[in-house]
Amino acid sequence: MISGRVSKTLIPVVSLEIGGIIFDAVVDTGFNGYLELPNILRSILQPRFAGRVKSLLGGGQRIEEDVYLVSIPFDGDLVEASATFVDGDKILLGTQMLKDHRLVIDFKGLSVLVDRA
């Protein structure tokens, strides 16, 4: 089980520890991929290039970017997932990472819970 919080700006966030560093992971139910990761994780995760992917962003913008396979700790397991890398320090957690889990976001109580379905 992974627990988290809803930020003051109403963004659901969980914490993930990767390579001994704790990162905020924004839970984005509008992102149907697996992960968007900060570039600083490249050396830790040793990603394997998988190809290029075309994506349609929320504002209608189309982009094409490199996608990689990574093994990442998630909810007590080492999970194989596809990921893109960007500048910044936050992780974007998409619905593919959550497909075997139940997500509960309590905006009034400012809490987030991700557990196995």
N, C-alpha and C. Protein backbone atom coordinates (compact mmCIF):
# COMPACT_ATOMS: atom_id res chain seq x y z
N MET A 1 0.84 -1.17 0.00
CA MET A 1 0.00 0.00 0.00
C MET A 1 0.89 1.24 0.00
N ILE A 2 0.47 2.23 -0.75
CA ILE A 2 1.16 3.51 -0.82
C ILE A 2 0.18 4.58 -0.37
N SER A 3 0.59 5.38 0.58
CA SER A 3 -0.28 6.47 1.01
C SER A 3 0.38 7.79 0.63
N GLY A 4 -0.48 8.80 0.47
CA GLY A 4 0.02 10.10 0.07
C GLY A 4 -0.88 11.20 0.57
N ARG A 5 -0.82 12.31 -0.13
CA ARG A 5 -1.56 13.49 0.32
C ARG A 5 -2.10 14.24 -0.88
N VAL A 6 -3.05 15.10 -0.61
CA VAL A 6 -3.53 16.05 -1.60
C VAL A 6 -2.91 17.39 -1.23
N SER A 7 -2.22 18.00 -2.18
CA SER A 7 -1.52 19.26 -1.90
C SER A 7 -2.52 20.40 -1.70
N LYS A 8 -2.00 21.53 -1.27
CA LYS A 8 -2.84 22.72 -1.07
C LYS A 8 -3.49 23.17 -2.37
N THR A 9 -2.86 22.82 -3.50
CA THR A 9 -3.42 23.18 -4.81
C THR A 9 -4.23 22.02 -5.40
N LEU A 10 -4.63 21.07 -4.54
CA LEU A 10 -5.50 19.94 -4.88
C LEU A 10 -4.90 18.96 -5.87
N ILE A 11 -3.60 18.73 -5.77
CA ILE A 11 -2.90 17.77 -6.61
C ILE A 11 -2.61 16.52 -5.76
N PRO A 12 -3.08 15.33 -6.21
CA PRO A 12 -2.79 14.10 -5.46
C PRO A 12 -1.34 13.68 -5.67
N VAL A 13 -0.64 13.44 -4.56
CA VAL A 13 0.79 13.14 -4.58
C VAL A 13 1.08 11.96 -3.67
N VAL A 14 1.94 11.05 -4.15
CA VAL A 14 2.47 9.99 -3.30
C VAL A 14 3.99 10.11 -3.33
N SER A 15 4.65 9.54 -2.35
CA SER A 15 6.11 9.56 -2.32
C SER A 15 6.64 8.20 -2.75
N LEU A 16 7.64 8.22 -3.62
CA LEU A 16 8.31 7.00 -4.06
C LEU A 16 9.79 7.13 -3.78
N GLU A 17 10.38 6.07 -3.23
CA GLU A 17 11.82 6.07 -2.98
C GLU A 17 12.51 5.30 -4.09
N ILE A 18 13.43 5.98 -4.76
CA ILE A 18 14.18 5.38 -5.86
C ILE A 18 15.64 5.72 -5.66
N GLY A 19 16.48 4.70 -5.57
CA GLY A 19 17.91 4.92 -5.38
C GLY A 19 18.23 5.67 -4.12
N GLY A 20 17.45 5.47 -3.08
CA GLY A 20 17.68 6.13 -1.81
C GLY A 20 17.20 7.57 -1.75
N ILE A 21 16.56 8.04 -2.82
CA ILE A 21 16.04 9.41 -2.87
C ILE A 21 14.52 9.34 -2.89
N ILE A 22 13.88 10.18 -2.09
CA ILE A 22 12.42 10.21 -2.06
C ILE A 22 11.94 11.31 -3.02
N PHE A 23 11.05 10.91 -3.92
CA PHE A 23 10.49 11.81 -4.92
C PHE A 23 8.99 11.93 -4.72
N ASP A 24 8.46 13.12 -4.99
CA ASP A 24 7.02 13.29 -5.08
C ASP A 24 6.58 12.74 -6.43
N ALA A 25 5.52 11.93 -6.42
CA ALA A 25 4.94 11.42 -7.66
C ALA A 25 3.52 11.93 -7.75
N VAL A 26 3.26 12.73 -8.76
CA VAL A 26 1.93 13.28 -8.99
C VAL A 26 1.07 12.19 -9.63
N VAL A 27 -0.06 11.89 -9.03
CA VAL A 27 -0.99 10.90 -9.59
C VAL A 27 -1.83 11.62 -10.64
N ASP A 28 -1.65 11.22 -11.90
CA ASP A 28 -2.31 11.90 -13.01
C ASP A 28 -3.23 10.92 -13.73
N THR A 29 -4.51 10.94 -13.40
CA THR A 29 -5.46 10.01 -14.02
C THR A 29 -5.78 10.39 -15.46
N GLY A 30 -5.30 11.53 -15.93
CA GLY A 30 -5.46 11.90 -17.32
C GLY A 30 -4.29 11.44 -18.19
N PHE A 31 -3.29 10.84 -17.57
CA PHE A 31 -2.10 10.33 -18.26
C PHE A 31 -2.22 8.81 -18.32
N ASN A 32 -2.46 8.26 -19.51
CA ASN A 32 -2.69 6.83 -19.60
C ASN A 32 -1.43 6.02 -19.85
N GLY A 33 -0.26 6.64 -19.68
CA GLY A 33 1.00 5.93 -19.77
C GLY A 33 1.42 5.42 -18.40
N TYR A 34 2.67 5.02 -18.30
CA TYR A 34 3.20 4.52 -17.03
C TYR A 34 3.82 5.65 -16.21
N LEU A 35 4.95 6.19 -16.69
CA LEU A 35 5.73 7.14 -15.89
C LEU A 35 6.35 8.24 -16.73
N GLU A 36 6.44 9.40 -16.13
CA GLU A 36 7.31 10.46 -16.61
C GLU A 36 8.28 10.70 -15.46
N LEU A 37 9.57 10.61 -15.75
CA LEU A 37 10.58 10.64 -14.68
C LEU A 37 11.55 11.80 -14.86
N PRO A 38 12.10 12.31 -13.75
CA PRO A 38 13.11 13.36 -13.86
C PRO A 38 14.42 12.80 -14.42
N ASN A 39 15.10 13.60 -15.22
CA ASN A 39 16.36 13.17 -15.84
C ASN A 39 17.39 12.68 -14.83
N ILE A 40 17.35 13.17 -13.61
CA ILE A 40 18.36 12.76 -12.61
C ILE A 40 18.25 11.27 -12.27
N LEU A 41 17.15 10.62 -12.65
CA LEU A 41 17.00 9.18 -12.39
C LEU A 41 17.60 8.30 -13.48
N ARG A 42 18.04 8.88 -14.58
CA ARG A 42 18.61 8.08 -15.66
C ARG A 42 19.77 7.20 -15.18
N SER A 43 20.70 7.79 -14.47
CA SER A 43 21.88 7.02 -14.05
C SER A 43 21.53 5.97 -13.00
N ILE A 44 20.51 6.21 -12.21
CA ILE A 44 20.10 5.26 -11.18
C ILE A 44 19.34 4.08 -11.79
N LEU A 45 18.42 4.36 -12.72
CA LEU A 45 17.54 3.33 -13.27
C LEU A 45 18.11 2.61 -14.48
N GLN A 46 19.14 3.16 -15.10
CA GLN A 46 19.75 2.57 -16.29
C GLN A 46 18.68 2.17 -17.32
N PRO A 47 17.94 3.15 -17.85
CA PRO A 47 16.84 2.85 -18.78
C PRO A 47 17.35 2.22 -20.08
N ARG A 48 16.49 1.40 -20.68
CA ARG A 48 16.78 0.76 -21.95
C ARG A 48 15.87 1.36 -23.01
N PHE A 49 16.47 1.92 -24.05
CA PHE A 49 15.70 2.59 -25.10
C PHE A 49 14.73 1.60 -25.73
N ALA A 50 13.44 2.00 -25.85
CA ALA A 50 12.41 1.14 -26.42
C ALA A 50 11.88 1.69 -27.74
N GLY A 51 12.09 2.97 -28.01
CA GLY A 51 11.60 3.56 -29.26
C GLY A 51 11.08 4.96 -29.04
N ARG A 52 10.25 5.39 -29.98
CA ARG A 52 9.64 6.72 -29.92
C ARG A 52 8.15 6.54 -29.74
N VAL A 53 7.52 7.49 -29.06
CA VAL A 53 6.08 7.44 -28.83
C VAL A 53 5.49 8.81 -29.17
N LYS A 54 4.31 8.78 -29.78
CA LYS A 54 3.57 10.01 -30.05
C LYS A 54 2.49 10.13 -29.00
N SER A 55 2.36 11.32 -28.44
CA SER A 55 1.37 11.55 -27.38
C SER A 55 0.54 12.77 -27.69
N LEU A 56 -0.71 12.73 -27.24
CA LEU A 56 -1.59 13.87 -27.33
C LEU A 56 -1.76 14.43 -25.93
N LEU A 57 -1.30 15.65 -25.71
CA LEU A 57 -1.39 16.28 -24.40
C LEU A 57 -2.78 16.87 -24.18
N GLY A 58 -3.07 17.19 -22.93
CA GLY A 58 -4.39 17.69 -22.56
C GLY A 58 -4.85 18.91 -23.34
N GLY A 59 -3.96 19.77 -23.72
CA GLY A 59 -4.33 20.98 -24.46
C GLY A 59 -4.43 20.77 -25.96
N GLY A 60 -4.35 19.50 -26.39
CA GLY A 60 -4.44 19.20 -27.81
C GLY A 60 -3.11 19.19 -28.53
N GLN A 61 -2.03 19.46 -27.81
CA GLN A 61 -0.69 19.48 -28.41
C GLN A 61 -0.20 18.05 -28.62
N ARG A 62 0.34 17.78 -29.81
CA ARG A 62 0.91 16.47 -30.11
C ARG A 62 2.43 16.56 -29.98
N ILE A 63 3.02 15.56 -29.31
CA ILE A 63 4.47 15.52 -29.16
C ILE A 63 4.97 14.13 -29.51
N GLU A 64 6.25 14.04 -29.81
CA GLU A 64 6.91 12.77 -30.02
C GLU A 64 8.15 12.77 -29.14
N GLU A 65 8.35 11.70 -28.40
CA GLU A 65 9.48 11.65 -27.48
C GLU A 65 10.01 10.23 -27.36
N ASP A 66 11.23 10.11 -26.86
CA ASP A 66 11.84 8.81 -26.62
C ASP A 66 11.18 8.14 -25.43
N VAL A 67 11.00 6.83 -25.53
CA VAL A 67 10.45 6.06 -24.42
C VAL A 67 11.45 4.96 -24.07
N TYR A 68 11.54 4.67 -22.78
CA TYR A 68 12.52 3.72 -22.25
C TYR A 68 11.82 2.69 -21.37
N LEU A 69 12.44 1.54 -21.21
CA LEU A 69 11.99 0.56 -20.24
C LEU A 69 12.84 0.72 -19.00
N VAL A 70 12.19 0.71 -17.84
CA VAL A 70 12.87 0.83 -16.56
C VAL A 70 12.30 -0.21 -15.60
N SER A 71 13.12 -0.60 -14.65
CA SER A 71 12.65 -1.41 -13.52
C SER A 71 12.61 -0.48 -12.33
N ILE A 72 11.43 -0.33 -11.75
CA ILE A 72 11.24 0.69 -10.72
C ILE A 72 10.50 0.09 -9.52
N PRO A 73 10.92 0.42 -8.30
CA PRO A 73 10.18 -0.08 -7.14
C PRO A 73 8.83 0.62 -7.03
N PHE A 74 7.77 -0.20 -6.87
CA PHE A 74 6.43 0.36 -6.75
C PHE A 74 5.58 -0.59 -5.91
N ASP A 75 5.08 -0.11 -4.80
CA ASP A 75 4.22 -0.88 -3.91
C ASP A 75 4.83 -2.22 -3.50
N GLY A 76 6.11 -2.19 -3.15
CA GLY A 76 6.79 -3.37 -2.64
C GLY A 76 7.33 -4.32 -3.69
N ASP A 77 7.11 -4.04 -4.97
CA ASP A 77 7.61 -4.88 -6.05
C ASP A 77 8.53 -4.08 -6.96
N LEU A 78 9.36 -4.80 -7.71
CA LEU A 78 10.14 -4.18 -8.76
C LEU A 78 9.33 -4.34 -10.04
N VAL A 79 8.87 -3.23 -10.62
CA VAL A 79 7.94 -3.24 -11.74
C VAL A 79 8.67 -2.81 -13.01
N GLU A 80 8.44 -3.54 -14.10
CA GLU A 80 8.94 -3.16 -15.41
C GLU A 80 7.92 -2.21 -16.03
N ALA A 81 8.37 -1.02 -16.42
CA ALA A 81 7.45 -0.01 -16.93
C ALA A 81 8.11 0.79 -18.04
N SER A 82 7.29 1.42 -18.86
CA SER A 82 7.83 2.34 -19.85
C SER A 82 7.81 3.75 -19.26
N ALA A 83 8.80 4.54 -19.66
CA ALA A 83 8.94 5.87 -19.08
C ALA A 83 9.55 6.84 -20.08
N THR A 84 9.19 8.08 -19.92
CA THR A 84 9.87 9.17 -20.61
C THR A 84 10.61 9.96 -19.54
N PHE A 85 11.60 10.73 -19.96
CA PHE A 85 12.39 11.53 -19.03
C PHE A 85 12.29 13.01 -19.39
N VAL A 86 12.18 13.84 -18.34
CA VAL A 86 12.05 15.28 -18.52
C VAL A 86 12.88 16.01 -17.47
N ASP A 87 13.11 17.30 -17.71
CA ASP A 87 13.75 18.13 -16.69
C ASP A 87 12.75 18.32 -15.55
N GLY A 88 13.24 18.55 -14.37
CA GLY A 88 12.37 18.74 -13.21
C GLY A 88 12.72 17.73 -12.13
N ASP A 89 11.92 17.71 -11.06
CA ASP A 89 12.23 16.84 -9.93
C ASP A 89 11.05 15.99 -9.48
N LYS A 90 9.97 16.01 -10.24
CA LYS A 90 8.79 15.24 -9.86
C LYS A 90 8.56 14.08 -10.82
N ILE A 91 7.90 13.08 -10.32
CA ILE A 91 7.49 11.94 -11.12
C ILE A 91 6.01 12.11 -11.46
N LEU A 92 5.65 11.77 -12.68
CA LEU A 92 4.25 11.75 -13.09
C LEU A 92 3.85 10.28 -13.17
N LEU A 93 2.86 9.90 -12.39
CA LEU A 93 2.41 8.52 -12.28
C LEU A 93 1.11 8.37 -13.07
N GLY A 94 1.17 7.59 -14.15
CA GLY A 94 0.01 7.42 -15.01
C GLY A 94 -0.83 6.21 -14.66
N THR A 95 -1.94 6.07 -15.37
CA THR A 95 -2.90 5.02 -15.05
C THR A 95 -2.38 3.61 -15.34
N GLN A 96 -1.44 3.46 -16.27
CA GLN A 96 -0.88 2.12 -16.51
C GLN A 96 -0.17 1.59 -15.26
N MET A 97 0.46 2.47 -14.50
CA MET A 97 1.11 2.03 -13.25
C MET A 97 0.08 1.63 -12.20
N LEU A 98 -1.12 2.16 -12.33
CA LEU A 98 -2.16 1.91 -11.32
C LEU A 98 -3.14 0.82 -11.73
N LYS A 99 -2.95 0.19 -12.88
CA LYS A 99 -3.98 -0.71 -13.43
C LYS A 99 -4.29 -1.91 -12.54
N ASP A 100 -3.37 -2.33 -11.69
CA ASP A 100 -3.63 -3.45 -10.78
C ASP A 100 -3.90 -2.98 -9.36
N HIS A 101 -4.20 -1.70 -9.22
CA HIS A 101 -4.39 -1.10 -7.90
C HIS A 101 -5.73 -0.38 -7.82
N ARG A 102 -6.07 -0.05 -6.60
CA ARG A 102 -7.24 0.79 -6.34
C ARG A 102 -6.71 2.14 -5.87
N LEU A 103 -7.26 3.20 -6.43
CA LEU A 103 -6.84 4.56 -6.08
C LEU A 103 -7.99 5.25 -5.37
N VAL A 104 -7.70 5.76 -4.16
CA VAL A 104 -8.70 6.53 -3.42
C VAL A 104 -8.09 7.90 -3.14
N ILE A 105 -8.76 8.92 -3.65
CA ILE A 105 -8.34 10.30 -3.39
C ILE A 105 -9.43 10.96 -2.56
N ASP A 106 -9.09 11.36 -1.37
CA ASP A 106 -10.03 12.04 -0.47
C ASP A 106 -9.63 13.51 -0.43
N PHE A 107 -10.27 14.30 -1.27
CA PHE A 107 -9.92 15.72 -1.35
C PHE A 107 -10.26 16.46 -0.06
N LYS A 108 -11.36 16.12 0.56
CA LYS A 108 -11.74 16.78 1.81
C LYS A 108 -10.74 16.43 2.93
N GLY A 109 -10.38 15.15 2.98
CA GLY A 109 -9.43 14.70 4.01
C GLY A 109 -7.98 14.87 3.61
N LEU A 110 -7.72 15.34 2.38
CA LEU A 110 -6.38 15.61 1.86
C LEU A 110 -5.47 14.37 1.87
N SER A 111 -6.06 13.20 1.55
CA SER A 111 -5.25 11.97 1.56
C SER A 111 -5.41 11.20 0.26
N VAL A 112 -4.39 10.39 -0.02
CA VAL A 112 -4.36 9.53 -1.20
C VAL A 112 -3.96 8.15 -0.74
N LEU A 113 -4.63 7.13 -1.29
CA LEU A 113 -4.31 5.74 -0.97
C LEU A 113 -4.27 4.94 -2.26
N VAL A 114 -3.18 4.22 -2.46
CA VAL A 114 -3.03 3.31 -3.59
C VAL A 114 -2.76 1.94 -3.00
N ASP A 115 -3.66 0.99 -3.25
CA ASP A 115 -3.42 -0.38 -2.77
C ASP A 115 -3.82 -1.38 -3.84
N ARG A 116 -3.37 -2.60 -3.66
CA ARG A 116 -3.64 -3.65 -4.64
C ARG A 116 -5.13 -3.95 -4.72
N ALA A 117 -5.61 -4.07 -5.93
CA ALA A 117 -7.03 -4.35 -6.15
C ALA A 117 -7.34 -5.79 -5.80
